Every structure is written in structure tokens, then in C-alpha cells.
ModelCIF file with pLDDT and N, C-alpha, C, O atoms, coordinates in Angstrom:
data_MODEL
#
_entry.id   MODEL 
#
_entity.id                         1 
_entity.type                       polymer 
_entity.pdbx_number_of_molecules   1 
#
_entity_poly.entity_id                      1 
_entity_poly.type                           'polypeptide(L)' 
_entity_poly.nstd_linkage                   no 
_entity_poly.nstd_monomer                   no 
_entity_poly.pdbx_seq_one_letter_code       VGIRVSDRARSVAFYERLGFREEIDLPAHHANEMATADGVRINLILNG 
_entity_poly.pdbx_seq_one_letter_code_can   VGIRVSDRARSVAFYERLGFREEIDLPAHHANEMATADGVRINLILNG 
_entity_poly.pdbx_strand_id                 A 
#
loop_
_entity_poly_seq.entity_id 
_entity_poly_seq.num 
_entity_poly_seq.mon_id 
_entity_poly_seq.hetero 
1 1  VAL n 
1 2  GLY n 
1 3  ILE n 
1 4  ARG n 
1 5  VAL n 
1 6  SER n 
1 7  ASP n 
1 8  ARG n 
1 9  ALA n 
1 10 ARG n 
1 11 SER n 
1 12 VAL n 
1 13 ALA n 
1 14 PHE n 
1 15 TYR n 
1 16 GLU n 
1 17 ARG n 
1 18 LEU n 
1 19 GLY n 
1 20 PHE n 
1 21 ARG n 
1 22 GLU n 
1 23 GLU n 
1 24 ILE n 
1 25 ASP n 
1 26 LEU n 
1 27 PRO n 
1 28 ALA n 
1 29 HIS n 
1 30 HIS n 
1 31 ALA n 
1 32 ASN n 
1 33 GLU n 
1 34 MET n 
1 35 ALA n 
1 36 THR n 
1 37 ALA n 
1 38 ASP n 
1 39 GLY n 
1 40 VAL n 
1 41 ARG n 
1 42 ILE n 
1 43 ASN n 
1 44 LEU n 
1 45 ILE n 
1 46 LEU n 
1 47 ASN n 
1 48 GLY n 
#
_struct_asym.id          A 
_struct_asym.entity_id   1 
#
loop_
_ma_qa_metric.id 
_ma_qa_metric.mode 
_ma_qa_metric.name 
_ma_qa_metric.software_group_id 
_ma_qa_metric.type 
1 global pLDDT . pLDDT 
2 local  pLDDT . pLDDT 
#
_ma_qa_metric_global.metric_id      1 
_ma_qa_metric_global.metric_value   97.31 
_ma_qa_metric_global.model_id       1 
_ma_qa_metric_global.ordinal_id     1 
#
loop_
_ma_qa_metric_local.label_asym_id 
_ma_qa_metric_local.label_comp_id 
_ma_qa_metric_local.label_seq_id 
_ma_qa_metric_local.metric_id 
_ma_qa_metric_local.metric_value 
_ma_qa_metric_local.model_id 
_ma_qa_metric_local.ordinal_id 
A VAL 1  2 96.00 1 1  
A GLY 2  2 97.00 1 2  
A ILE 3  2 97.00 1 3  
A ARG 4  2 96.00 1 4  
A VAL 5  2 97.00 1 5  
A SER 6  2 96.00 1 6  
A ASP 7  2 97.00 1 7  
A ARG 8  2 97.00 1 8  
A ALA 9  2 98.00 1 9  
A ARG 10 2 97.00 1 10 
A SER 11 2 98.00 1 11 
A VAL 12 2 98.00 1 12 
A ALA 13 2 98.00 1 13 
A PHE 14 2 98.00 1 14 
A TYR 15 2 98.00 1 15 
A GLU 16 2 98.00 1 16 
A ARG 17 2 98.00 1 17 
A LEU 18 2 98.00 1 18 
A GLY 19 2 97.00 1 19 
A PHE 20 2 98.00 1 20 
A ARG 21 2 98.00 1 21 
A GLU 22 2 97.00 1 22 
A GLU 23 2 98.00 1 23 
A ILE 24 2 97.00 1 24 
A ASP 25 2 97.00 1 25 
A LEU 26 2 97.00 1 26 
A PRO 27 2 97.00 1 27 
A ALA 28 2 97.00 1 28 
A HIS 29 2 97.00 1 29 
A HIS 30 2 97.00 1 30 
A ALA 31 2 98.00 1 31 
A ASN 32 2 98.00 1 32 
A GLU 33 2 98.00 1 33 
A MET 34 2 98.00 1 34 
A ALA 35 2 98.00 1 35 
A THR 36 2 97.00 1 36 
A ALA 37 2 97.00 1 37 
A ASP 38 2 96.00 1 38 
A GLY 39 2 96.00 1 39 
A VAL 40 2 97.00 1 40 
A ARG 41 2 98.00 1 41 
A ILE 42 2 98.00 1 42 
A ASN 43 2 98.00 1 43 
A LEU 44 2 98.00 1 44 
A ILE 45 2 98.00 1 45 
A LEU 46 2 97.00 1 46 
A ASN 47 2 97.00 1 47 
A GLY 48 2 95.00 1 48 
#
loop_
_atom_site.group_PDB 
_atom_site.id 
_atom_site.type_symbol 
_atom_site.label_atom_id 
_atom_site.label_alt_id 
_atom_site.label_comp_id 
_atom_site.label_asym_id 
_atom_site.label_entity_id 
_atom_site.label_seq_id 
_atom_site.pdbx_PDB_ins_code 
_atom_site.Cartn_x 
_atom_site.Cartn_y 
_atom_site.Cartn_z 
_atom_site.occupancy 
_atom_site.B_iso_or_equiv 
_atom_site.pdbx_formal_charge 
_atom_site.auth_seq_id 
_atom_site.auth_comp_id 
_atom_site.auth_asym_id 
_atom_site.auth_atom_id 
_atom_site.pdbx_PDB_model_num 
ATOM 1   N N  . VAL A 1 1  ? -67.503 -32.330 -43.765 1.00 96.00 ? 1  VAL A N  1 
ATOM 2   C CA . VAL A 1 1  ? -66.847 -31.715 -44.872 1.00 96.00 ? 1  VAL A CA 1 
ATOM 3   C C  . VAL A 1 1  ? -65.412 -32.136 -44.848 1.00 96.00 ? 1  VAL A C  1 
ATOM 4   O O  . VAL A 1 1  ? -64.818 -32.219 -43.773 1.00 96.00 ? 1  VAL A O  1 
ATOM 5   N N  . GLY A 1 2  ? -64.822 -32.410 -46.006 1.00 97.00 ? 2  GLY A N  1 
ATOM 6   C CA . GLY A 1 2  ? -63.379 -32.765 -46.084 1.00 97.00 ? 2  GLY A CA 1 
ATOM 7   C C  . GLY A 1 2  ? -62.536 -31.578 -46.321 1.00 97.00 ? 2  GLY A C  1 
ATOM 8   O O  . GLY A 1 2  ? -62.837 -30.764 -47.194 1.00 97.00 ? 2  GLY A O  1 
ATOM 9   N N  . ILE A 1 3  ? -61.493 -31.448 -45.577 1.00 97.00 ? 3  ILE A N  1 
ATOM 10  C CA . ILE A 1 3  ? -60.573 -30.347 -45.669 1.00 97.00 ? 3  ILE A CA 1 
ATOM 11  C C  . ILE A 1 3  ? -59.162 -30.926 -45.879 1.00 97.00 ? 3  ILE A C  1 
ATOM 12  O O  . ILE A 1 3  ? -58.609 -31.580 -44.995 1.00 97.00 ? 3  ILE A O  1 
ATOM 13  N N  . ARG A 1 4  ? -58.591 -30.669 -47.077 1.00 96.00 ? 4  ARG A N  1 
ATOM 14  C CA . ARG A 1 4  ? -57.294 -31.121 -47.398 1.00 96.00 ? 4  ARG A CA 1 
ATOM 15  C C  . ARG A 1 4  ? -56.231 -30.316 -46.673 1.00 96.00 ? 4  ARG A C  1 
ATOM 16  O O  . ARG A 1 4  ? -56.243 -29.087 -46.737 1.00 96.00 ? 4  ARG A O  1 
ATOM 17  N N  . VAL A 1 5  ? -55.298 -30.992 -45.975 1.00 97.00 ? 5  VAL A N  1 
ATOM 18  C CA . VAL A 1 5  ? -54.252 -30.350 -45.210 1.00 97.00 ? 5  VAL A CA 1 
ATOM 19  C C  . VAL A 1 5  ? -52.881 -30.934 -45.637 1.00 97.00 ? 5  VAL A C  1 
ATOM 20  O O  . VAL A 1 5  ? -52.766 -32.010 -46.223 1.00 97.00 ? 5  VAL A O  1 
ATOM 21  N N  . SER A 1 6  ? -51.831 -30.105 -45.282 1.00 96.00 ? 6  SER A N  1 
ATOM 22  C CA . SER A 1 6  ? -50.522 -30.563 -45.709 1.00 96.00 ? 6  SER A CA 1 
ATOM 23  C C  . SER A 1 6  ? -49.654 -31.100 -44.529 1.00 96.00 ? 6  SER A C  1 
ATOM 24  O O  . SER A 1 6  ? -48.608 -31.708 -44.754 1.00 96.00 ? 6  SER A O  1 
ATOM 25  N N  . ASP A 1 7  ? -50.101 -30.866 -43.290 1.00 97.00 ? 7  ASP A N  1 
ATOM 26  C CA . ASP A 1 7  ? -49.298 -31.343 -42.178 1.00 97.00 ? 7  ASP A CA 1 
ATOM 27  C C  . ASP A 1 7  ? -50.340 -31.834 -41.084 1.00 97.00 ? 7  ASP A C  1 
ATOM 28  O O  . ASP A 1 7  ? -51.041 -31.051 -40.442 1.00 97.00 ? 7  ASP A O  1 
ATOM 29  N N  . ARG A 1 8  ? -50.365 -33.158 -40.948 1.00 97.00 ? 8  ARG A N  1 
ATOM 30  C CA . ARG A 1 8  ? -51.351 -33.743 -40.094 1.00 97.00 ? 8  ARG A CA 1 
ATOM 31  C C  . ARG A 1 8  ? -51.278 -33.231 -38.608 1.00 97.00 ? 8  ARG A C  1 
ATOM 32  O O  . ARG A 1 8  ? -52.276 -32.785 -38.042 1.00 97.00 ? 8  ARG A O  1 
ATOM 33  N N  . ALA A 1 9  ? -50.119 -33.313 -38.042 1.00 98.00 ? 9  ALA A N  1 
ATOM 34  C CA . ALA A 1 9  ? -49.947 -32.902 -36.640 1.00 98.00 ? 9  ALA A CA 1 
ATOM 35  C C  . ALA A 1 9  ? -50.391 -31.442 -36.431 1.00 98.00 ? 9  ALA A C  1 
ATOM 36  O O  . ALA A 1 9  ? -51.175 -31.123 -35.537 1.00 98.00 ? 9  ALA A O  1 
ATOM 37  N N  . ARG A 1 10 ? -49.851 -30.579 -37.299 1.00 97.00 ? 10 ARG A N  1 
ATOM 38  C CA . ARG A 1 10 ? -50.211 -29.098 -37.166 1.00 97.00 ? 10 ARG A CA 1 
ATOM 39  C C  . ARG A 1 10 ? -51.678 -28.939 -37.360 1.00 97.00 ? 10 ARG A C  1 
ATOM 40  O O  . ARG A 1 10 ? -52.279 -28.169 -36.610 1.00 97.00 ? 10 ARG A O  1 
ATOM 41  N N  . SER A 1 11 ? -52.307 -29.578 -38.276 1.00 98.00 ? 11 SER A N  1 
ATOM 42  C CA . SER A 1 11 ? -53.740 -29.327 -38.541 1.00 98.00 ? 11 SER A CA 1 
ATOM 43  C C  . SER A 1 11 ? -54.587 -29.965 -37.433 1.00 98.00 ? 11 SER A C  1 
ATOM 44  O O  . SER A 1 11 ? -55.525 -29.321 -36.963 1.00 98.00 ? 11 SER A O  1 
ATOM 45  N N  . VAL A 1 12 ? -54.315 -31.149 -37.009 1.00 98.00 ? 12 VAL A N  1 
ATOM 46  C CA . VAL A 1 12 ? -55.061 -31.772 -35.888 1.00 98.00 ? 12 VAL A CA 1 
ATOM 47  C C  . VAL A 1 12 ? -54.998 -30.824 -34.664 1.00 98.00 ? 12 VAL A C  1 
ATOM 48  O O  . VAL A 1 12 ? -56.024 -30.541 -34.045 1.00 98.00 ? 12 VAL A O  1 
ATOM 49  N N  . ALA A 1 13 ? -53.784 -30.336 -34.324 1.00 98.00 ? 13 ALA A N  1 
ATOM 50  C CA . ALA A 1 13 ? -53.659 -29.417 -33.208 1.00 98.00 ? 13 ALA A CA 1 
ATOM 51  C C  . ALA A 1 13 ? -54.448 -28.178 -33.370 1.00 98.00 ? 13 ALA A C  1 
ATOM 52  O O  . ALA A 1 13 ? -55.063 -27.719 -32.408 1.00 98.00 ? 13 ALA A O  1 
ATOM 53  N N  . PHE A 1 14 ? -54.467 -27.593 -34.561 1.00 98.00 ? 14 PHE A N  1 
ATOM 54  C CA . PHE A 1 14 ? -55.253 -26.396 -34.836 1.00 98.00 ? 14 PHE A CA 1 
ATOM 55  C C  . PHE A 1 14 ? -56.740 -26.631 -34.654 1.00 98.00 ? 14 PHE A C  1 
ATOM 56  O O  . PHE A 1 14 ? -57.418 -25.848 -33.989 1.00 98.00 ? 14 PHE A O  1 
ATOM 57  N N  . TYR A 1 15 ? -57.248 -27.699 -35.238 1.00 98.00 ? 15 TYR A N  1 
ATOM 58  C CA . TYR A 1 15 ? -58.704 -27.963 -35.131 1.00 98.00 ? 15 TYR A CA 1 
ATOM 59  C C  . TYR A 1 15 ? -59.085 -28.325 -33.683 1.00 98.00 ? 15 TYR A C  1 
ATOM 60  O O  . TYR A 1 15 ? -60.188 -28.012 -33.235 1.00 98.00 ? 15 TYR A O  1 
ATOM 61  N N  . GLU A 1 16 ? -58.150 -28.999 -32.944 1.00 98.00 ? 16 GLU A N  1 
ATOM 62  C CA . GLU A 1 16 ? -58.426 -29.253 -31.569 1.00 98.00 ? 16 GLU A CA 1 
ATOM 63  C C  . GLU A 1 16 ? -58.554 -27.978 -30.765 1.00 98.00 ? 16 GLU A C  1 
ATOM 64  O O  . GLU A 1 16 ? -59.349 -27.925 -29.827 1.00 98.00 ? 16 GLU A O  1 
ATOM 65  N N  . ARG A 1 17 ? -57.824 -26.986 -31.093 1.00 98.00 ? 17 ARG A N  1 
ATOM 66  C CA . ARG A 1 17 ? -57.990 -25.638 -30.416 1.00 98.00 ? 17 ARG A CA 1 
ATOM 67  C C  . ARG A 1 17 ? -59.369 -25.085 -30.630 1.00 98.00 ? 17 ARG A C  1 
ATOM 68  O O  . ARG A 1 17 ? -59.849 -24.310 -29.802 1.00 98.00 ? 17 ARG A O  1 
ATOM 69  N N  . LEU A 1 18 ? -60.059 -25.468 -31.760 1.00 98.00 ? 18 LEU A N  1 
ATOM 70  C CA . LEU A 1 18 ? -61.388 -25.026 -32.049 1.00 98.00 ? 18 LEU A CA 1 
ATOM 71  C C  . LEU A 1 18 ? -62.515 -25.943 -31.499 1.00 98.00 ? 18 LEU A C  1 
ATOM 72  O O  . LEU A 1 18 ? -63.706 -25.733 -31.729 1.00 98.00 ? 18 LEU A O  1 
ATOM 73  N N  . GLY A 1 19 ? -62.038 -26.993 -30.743 1.00 97.00 ? 19 GLY A N  1 
ATOM 74  C CA . GLY A 1 19 ? -63.035 -27.827 -30.118 1.00 97.00 ? 19 GLY A CA 1 
ATOM 75  C C  . GLY A 1 19 ? -63.312 -29.174 -30.828 1.00 97.00 ? 19 GLY A C  1 
ATOM 76  O O  . GLY A 1 19 ? -64.188 -29.925 -30.400 1.00 97.00 ? 19 GLY A O  1 
ATOM 77  N N  . PHE A 1 20 ? -62.594 -29.468 -31.871 1.00 98.00 ? 20 PHE A N  1 
ATOM 78  C CA . PHE A 1 20 ? -62.697 -30.757 -32.582 1.00 98.00 ? 20 PHE A CA 1 
ATOM 79  C C  . PHE A 1 20 ? -61.752 -31.758 -31.921 1.00 98.00 ? 20 PHE A C  1 
ATOM 80  O O  . PHE A 1 20 ? -60.685 -31.396 -31.425 1.00 98.00 ? 20 PHE A O  1 
ATOM 81  N N  . ARG A 1 21 ? -62.160 -32.994 -31.927 1.00 98.00 ? 21 ARG A N  1 
ATOM 82  C CA . ARG A 1 21 ? -61.330 -34.136 -31.394 1.00 98.00 ? 21 ARG A CA 1 
ATOM 83  C C  . ARG A 1 21 ? -61.275 -35.187 -32.464 1.00 98.00 ? 21 ARG A C  1 
ATOM 84  O O  . ARG A 1 21 ? -62.276 -35.458 -33.128 1.00 98.00 ? 21 ARG A O  1 
ATOM 85  N N  . GLU A 1 22 ? -60.086 -35.802 -32.647 1.00 97.00 ? 22 GLU A N  1 
ATOM 86  C CA . GLU A 1 22 ? -59.915 -36.856 -33.605 1.00 97.00 ? 22 GLU A CA 1 
ATOM 87  C C  . GLU A 1 22 ? -60.589 -38.088 -33.023 1.00 97.00 ? 22 GLU A C  1 
ATOM 88  O O  . GLU A 1 22 ? -60.283 -38.517 -31.910 1.00 97.00 ? 22 GLU A O  1 
ATOM 89  N N  . GLU A 1 23 ? -61.549 -38.672 -33.827 1.00 98.00 ? 23 GLU A N  1 
ATOM 90  C CA . GLU A 1 23 ? -62.294 -39.850 -33.390 1.00 98.00 ? 23 GLU A CA 1 
ATOM 91  C C  . GLU A 1 23 ? -61.870 -41.087 -34.158 1.00 98.00 ? 23 GLU A C  1 
ATOM 92  O O  . GLU A 1 23 ? -61.816 -42.176 -33.586 1.00 98.00 ? 23 GLU A O  1 
ATOM 93  N N  . ILE A 1 24 ? -61.561 -40.939 -35.476 1.00 97.00 ? 24 ILE A N  1 
ATOM 94  C CA . ILE A 1 24 ? -61.314 -42.108 -36.319 1.00 97.00 ? 24 ILE A CA 1 
ATOM 95  C C  . ILE A 1 24 ? -60.115 -41.784 -37.189 1.00 97.00 ? 24 ILE A C  1 
ATOM 96  O O  . ILE A 1 24 ? -60.041 -40.708 -37.780 1.00 97.00 ? 24 ILE A O  1 
ATOM 97  N N  . ASP A 1 25 ? -59.196 -42.696 -37.264 1.00 97.00 ? 25 ASP A N  1 
ATOM 98  C CA . ASP A 1 25 ? -58.023 -42.564 -38.228 1.00 97.00 ? 25 ASP A CA 1 
ATOM 99  C C  . ASP A 1 25 ? -58.395 -43.445 -39.449 1.00 97.00 ? 25 ASP A C  1 
ATOM 100 O O  . ASP A 1 25 ? -58.826 -44.583 -39.264 1.00 97.00 ? 25 ASP A O  1 
ATOM 101 N N  . LEU A 1 26 ? -58.244 -42.963 -40.622 1.00 97.00 ? 26 LEU A N  1 
ATOM 102 C CA . LEU A 1 26 ? -58.509 -43.712 -41.863 1.00 97.00 ? 26 LEU A CA 1 
ATOM 103 C C  . LEU A 1 26 ? -57.262 -43.716 -42.722 1.00 97.00 ? 26 LEU A C  1 
ATOM 104 O O  . LEU A 1 26 ? -57.212 -43.033 -43.744 1.00 97.00 ? 26 LEU A O  1 
ATOM 105 N N  . PRO A 1 27 ? -56.254 -44.475 -42.323 1.00 97.00 ? 27 PRO A N  1 
ATOM 106 C CA . PRO A 1 27 ? -54.962 -44.427 -43.048 1.00 97.00 ? 27 PRO A CA 1 
ATOM 107 C C  . PRO A 1 27 ? -55.080 -44.864 -44.489 1.00 97.00 ? 27 PRO A C  1 
ATOM 108 O O  . PRO A 1 27 ? -54.395 -44.314 -45.351 1.00 97.00 ? 27 PRO A O  1 
ATOM 109 N N  . ALA A 1 28 ? -55.949 -45.860 -44.788 1.00 97.00 ? 28 ALA A N  1 
ATOM 110 C CA . ALA A 1 28 ? -56.122 -46.243 -46.209 1.00 97.00 ? 28 ALA A CA 1 
ATOM 111 C C  . ALA A 1 28 ? -56.596 -45.164 -47.094 1.00 97.00 ? 28 ALA A C  1 
ATOM 112 O O  . ALA A 1 28 ? -56.332 -45.159 -48.296 1.00 97.00 ? 28 ALA A O  1 
ATOM 113 N N  . HIS A 1 29 ? -57.324 -44.206 -46.484 1.00 97.00 ? 29 HIS A N  1 
ATOM 114 C CA . HIS A 1 29 ? -57.895 -43.061 -47.246 1.00 97.00 ? 29 HIS A CA 1 
ATOM 115 C C  . HIS A 1 29 ? -57.143 -41.791 -47.064 1.00 97.00 ? 29 HIS A C  1 
ATOM 116 O O  . HIS A 1 29 ? -57.524 -40.756 -47.610 1.00 97.00 ? 29 HIS A O  1 
ATOM 117 N N  . HIS A 1 30 ? -56.036 -41.845 -46.275 1.00 97.00 ? 30 HIS A N  1 
ATOM 118 C CA . HIS A 1 30 ? -55.227 -40.632 -45.995 1.00 97.00 ? 30 HIS A CA 1 
ATOM 119 C C  . HIS A 1 30 ? -56.097 -39.584 -45.342 1.00 97.00 ? 30 HIS A C  1 
ATOM 120 O O  . HIS A 1 30 ? -56.044 -38.409 -45.704 1.00 97.00 ? 30 HIS A O  1 
ATOM 121 N N  . ALA A 1 31 ? -56.880 -39.994 -44.403 1.00 98.00 ? 31 ALA A N  1 
ATOM 122 C CA . ALA A 1 31 ? -57.834 -39.065 -43.789 1.00 98.00 ? 31 ALA A CA 1 
ATOM 123 C C  . ALA A 1 31 ? -58.073 -39.433 -42.315 1.00 98.00 ? 31 ALA A C  1 
ATOM 124 O O  . ALA A 1 31 ? -57.669 -40.486 -41.823 1.00 98.00 ? 31 ALA A O  1 
ATOM 125 N N  . ASN A 1 32 ? -58.745 -38.509 -41.660 1.00 98.00 ? 32 ASN A N  1 
ATOM 126 C CA . ASN A 1 32 ? -59.243 -38.854 -40.294 1.00 98.00 ? 32 ASN A CA 1 
ATOM 127 C C  . ASN A 1 32 ? -60.681 -38.294 -40.155 1.00 98.00 ? 32 ASN A C  1 
ATOM 128 O O  . ASN A 1 32 ? -61.180 -37.629 -41.064 1.00 98.00 ? 32 ASN A O  1 
ATOM 129 N N  . GLU A 1 33 ? -61.307 -38.558 -39.062 1.00 98.00 ? 33 GLU A N  1 
ATOM 130 C CA . GLU A 1 33 ? -62.601 -37.943 -38.719 1.00 98.00 ? 33 GLU A CA 1 
ATOM 131 C C  . GLU A 1 33 ? -62.416 -37.223 -37.427 1.00 98.00 ? 33 GLU A C  1 
ATOM 132 O O  . GLU A 1 33 ? -61.855 -37.779 -36.483 1.00 98.00 ? 33 GLU A O  1 
ATOM 133 N N  . MET A 1 34 ? -62.881 -35.975 -37.352 1.00 98.00 ? 34 MET A N  1 
ATOM 134 C CA . MET A 1 34 ? -62.859 -35.184 -36.148 1.00 98.00 ? 34 MET A CA 1 
ATOM 135 C C  . MET A 1 34 ? -64.244 -34.677 -35.866 1.00 98.00 ? 34 MET A C  1 
ATOM 136 O O  . MET A 1 34 ? -65.012 -34.434 -36.797 1.00 98.00 ? 34 MET A O  1 
ATOM 137 N N  . ALA A 1 35 ? -64.571 -34.517 -34.656 1.00 98.00 ? 35 ALA A N  1 
ATOM 138 C CA . ALA A 1 35 ? -65.941 -34.047 -34.275 1.00 98.00 ? 35 ALA A CA 1 
ATOM 139 C C  . ALA A 1 35 ? -65.867 -33.164 -32.983 1.00 98.00 ? 35 ALA A C  1 
ATOM 140 O O  . ALA A 1 35 ? -64.984 -33.295 -32.135 1.00 98.00 ? 35 ALA A O  1 
ATOM 141 N N  . THR A 1 36 ? -66.860 -32.272 -32.924 1.00 97.00 ? 36 THR A N  1 
ATOM 142 C CA . THR A 1 36 ? -67.024 -31.461 -31.735 1.00 97.00 ? 36 THR A CA 1 
ATOM 143 C C  . THR A 1 36 ? -67.887 -32.251 -30.741 1.00 97.00 ? 36 THR A C  1 
ATOM 144 O O  . THR A 1 36 ? -68.443 -33.293 -31.089 1.00 97.00 ? 36 THR A O  1 
ATOM 145 N N  . ALA A 1 37 ? -67.994 -31.754 -29.511 1.00 97.00 ? 37 ALA A N  1 
ATOM 146 C CA . ALA A 1 37 ? -68.839 -32.410 -28.477 1.00 97.00 ? 37 ALA A CA 1 
ATOM 147 C C  . ALA A 1 37 ? -70.298 -32.502 -28.953 1.00 97.00 ? 37 ALA A C  1 
ATOM 148 O O  . ALA A 1 37 ? -71.031 -33.400 -28.542 1.00 97.00 ? 37 ALA A O  1 
ATOM 149 N N  . ASP A 1 38 ? -70.715 -31.561 -29.828 1.00 96.00 ? 38 ASP A N  1 
ATOM 150 C CA . ASP A 1 38 ? -72.047 -31.532 -30.348 1.00 96.00 ? 38 ASP A CA 1 
ATOM 151 C C  . ASP A 1 38 ? -72.287 -32.321 -31.637 1.00 96.00 ? 38 ASP A C  1 
ATOM 152 O O  . ASP A 1 38 ? -73.382 -32.304 -32.199 1.00 96.00 ? 38 ASP A O  1 
ATOM 153 N N  . GLY A 1 39 ? -71.243 -33.008 -32.088 1.00 96.00 ? 39 GLY A N  1 
ATOM 154 C CA . GLY A 1 39 ? -71.332 -33.869 -33.254 1.00 96.00 ? 39 GLY A CA 1 
ATOM 155 C C  . GLY A 1 39 ? -71.133 -33.241 -34.540 1.00 96.00 ? 39 GLY A C  1 
ATOM 156 O O  . GLY A 1 39 ? -71.487 -33.854 -35.547 1.00 96.00 ? 39 GLY A O  1 
ATOM 157 N N  . VAL A 1 40 ? -70.587 -32.043 -34.636 1.00 97.00 ? 40 VAL A N  1 
ATOM 158 C CA . VAL A 1 40 ? -70.257 -31.433 -35.916 1.00 97.00 ? 40 VAL A CA 1 
ATOM 159 C C  . VAL A 1 40 ? -68.928 -32.086 -36.405 1.00 97.00 ? 40 VAL A C  1 
ATOM 160 O O  . VAL A 1 40 ? -67.929 -32.101 -35.685 1.00 97.00 ? 40 VAL A O  1 
ATOM 161 N N  . ARG A 1 41 ? -68.953 -32.612 -37.630 1.00 98.00 ? 41 ARG A N  1 
ATOM 162 C CA . ARG A 1 41 ? -67.852 -33.452 -38.101 1.00 98.00 ? 41 ARG A CA 1 
ATOM 163 C C  . ARG A 1 41 ? -67.155 -32.832 -39.261 1.00 98.00 ? 41 ARG A C  1 
ATOM 164 O O  . ARG A 1 41 ? -67.751 -32.172 -40.111 1.00 98.00 ? 41 ARG A O  1 
ATOM 165 N N  . ILE A 1 42 ? -65.794 -33.078 -39.271 1.00 98.00 ? 42 ILE A N  1 
ATOM 166 C CA . ILE A 1 42 ? -64.991 -32.737 -40.420 1.00 98.00 ? 42 ILE A CA 1 
ATOM 167 C C  . ILE A 1 42 ? -64.080 -33.929 -40.666 1.00 98.00 ? 42 ILE A C  1 
ATOM 168 O O  . ILE A 1 42 ? -63.820 -34.693 -39.736 1.00 98.00 ? 42 ILE A O  1 
ATOM 169 N N  . ASN A 1 43 ? -63.595 -34.111 -41.861 1.00 98.00 ? 43 ASN A N  1 
ATOM 170 C CA . ASN A 1 43 ? -62.538 -35.024 -42.201 1.00 98.00 ? 43 ASN A CA 1 
ATOM 171 C C  . ASN A 1 43 ? -61.343 -34.214 -42.623 1.00 98.00 ? 43 ASN A C  1 
ATOM 172 O O  . ASN A 1 43 ? -61.473 -33.318 -43.457 1.00 98.00 ? 43 ASN A O  1 
ATOM 173 N N  . LEU A 1 44 ? -60.214 -34.490 -42.088 1.00 98.00 ? 44 LEU A N  1 
ATOM 174 C CA . LEU A 1 44 ? -58.967 -33.913 -42.571 1.00 98.00 ? 44 LEU A CA 1 
ATOM 175 C C  . LEU A 1 44 ? -58.437 -34.876 -43.615 1.00 98.00 ? 44 LEU A C  1 
ATOM 176 O O  . LEU A 1 44 ? -58.217 -36.045 -43.298 1.00 98.00 ? 44 LEU A O  1 
ATOM 177 N N  . ILE A 1 45 ? -58.224 -34.434 -44.847 1.00 98.00 ? 45 ILE A N  1 
ATOM 178 C CA . ILE A 1 45 ? -57.651 -35.206 -45.860 1.00 98.00 ? 45 ILE A CA 1 
ATOM 179 C C  . ILE A 1 45 ? -56.119 -34.937 -45.815 1.00 98.00 ? 45 ILE A C  1 
ATOM 180 O O  . ILE A 1 45 ? -55.678 -33.805 -46.017 1.00 98.00 ? 45 ILE A O  1 
ATOM 181 N N  . LEU A 1 46 ? -55.360 -35.946 -45.561 1.00 97.00 ? 46 LEU A N  1 
ATOM 182 C CA . LEU A 1 46 ? -53.967 -35.819 -45.090 1.00 97.00 ? 46 LEU A CA 1 
ATOM 183 C C  . LEU A 1 46 ? -52.910 -35.916 -46.173 1.00 97.00 ? 46 LEU A C  1 
ATOM 184 O O  . LEU A 1 46 ? -51.786 -36.343 -45.910 1.00 97.00 ? 46 LEU A O  1 
ATOM 185 N N  . ASN A 1 47 ? -53.278 -35.506 -47.441 1.00 97.00 ? 47 ASN A N  1 
ATOM 186 C CA . ASN A 1 47 ? -52.332 -35.633 -48.514 1.00 97.00 ? 47 ASN A CA 1 
ATOM 187 C C  . ASN A 1 47 ? -52.077 -34.396 -49.270 1.00 97.00 ? 47 ASN A C  1 
ATOM 188 O O  . ASN A 1 47 ? -51.685 -34.450 -50.435 1.00 97.00 ? 47 ASN A O  1 
ATOM 189 N N  . GLY A 1 48 ? -52.293 -33.222 -48.623 1.00 95.00 ? 48 GLY A N  1 
ATOM 190 C CA . GLY A 1 48 ? -52.035 -31.997 -49.268 1.00 95.00 ? 48 GLY A CA 1 
ATOM 191 C C  . GLY A 1 48 ? -50.578 -31.596 -49.438 1.00 95.00 ? 48 GLY A C  1 
ATOM 192 O O  . GLY A 1 48 ? -50.291 -30.536 -49.994 1.00 95.00 ? 48 GLY A O  1 
#
């Protein structure tokens, strides 16, 4: 699921506290991919 955020560092830190880890940076798409150890994935859309 894509979640638009306004502050990359703050949002990555927040989702890391919930067990997600950044796996892929997609600068051309202003996004990243984060996943839990069990493979649940989110994309942070970094242009909010």
C-alpha cells in the first residue's frame, strides 16, 4: 500500500518503530519500499 508522507526521515523512523525496514529507495518515483520481517510491504510516497 502506498502512504503519502510529508517528511521522509520522520516517517521512516515512525514506521521503523512499528517493525518496518527500508529495503529499496526509488528516488525517480519519490518513494521507497519498506517491509516487515514477515514480508508485509508498504511504500512511502515522499512528496506530501
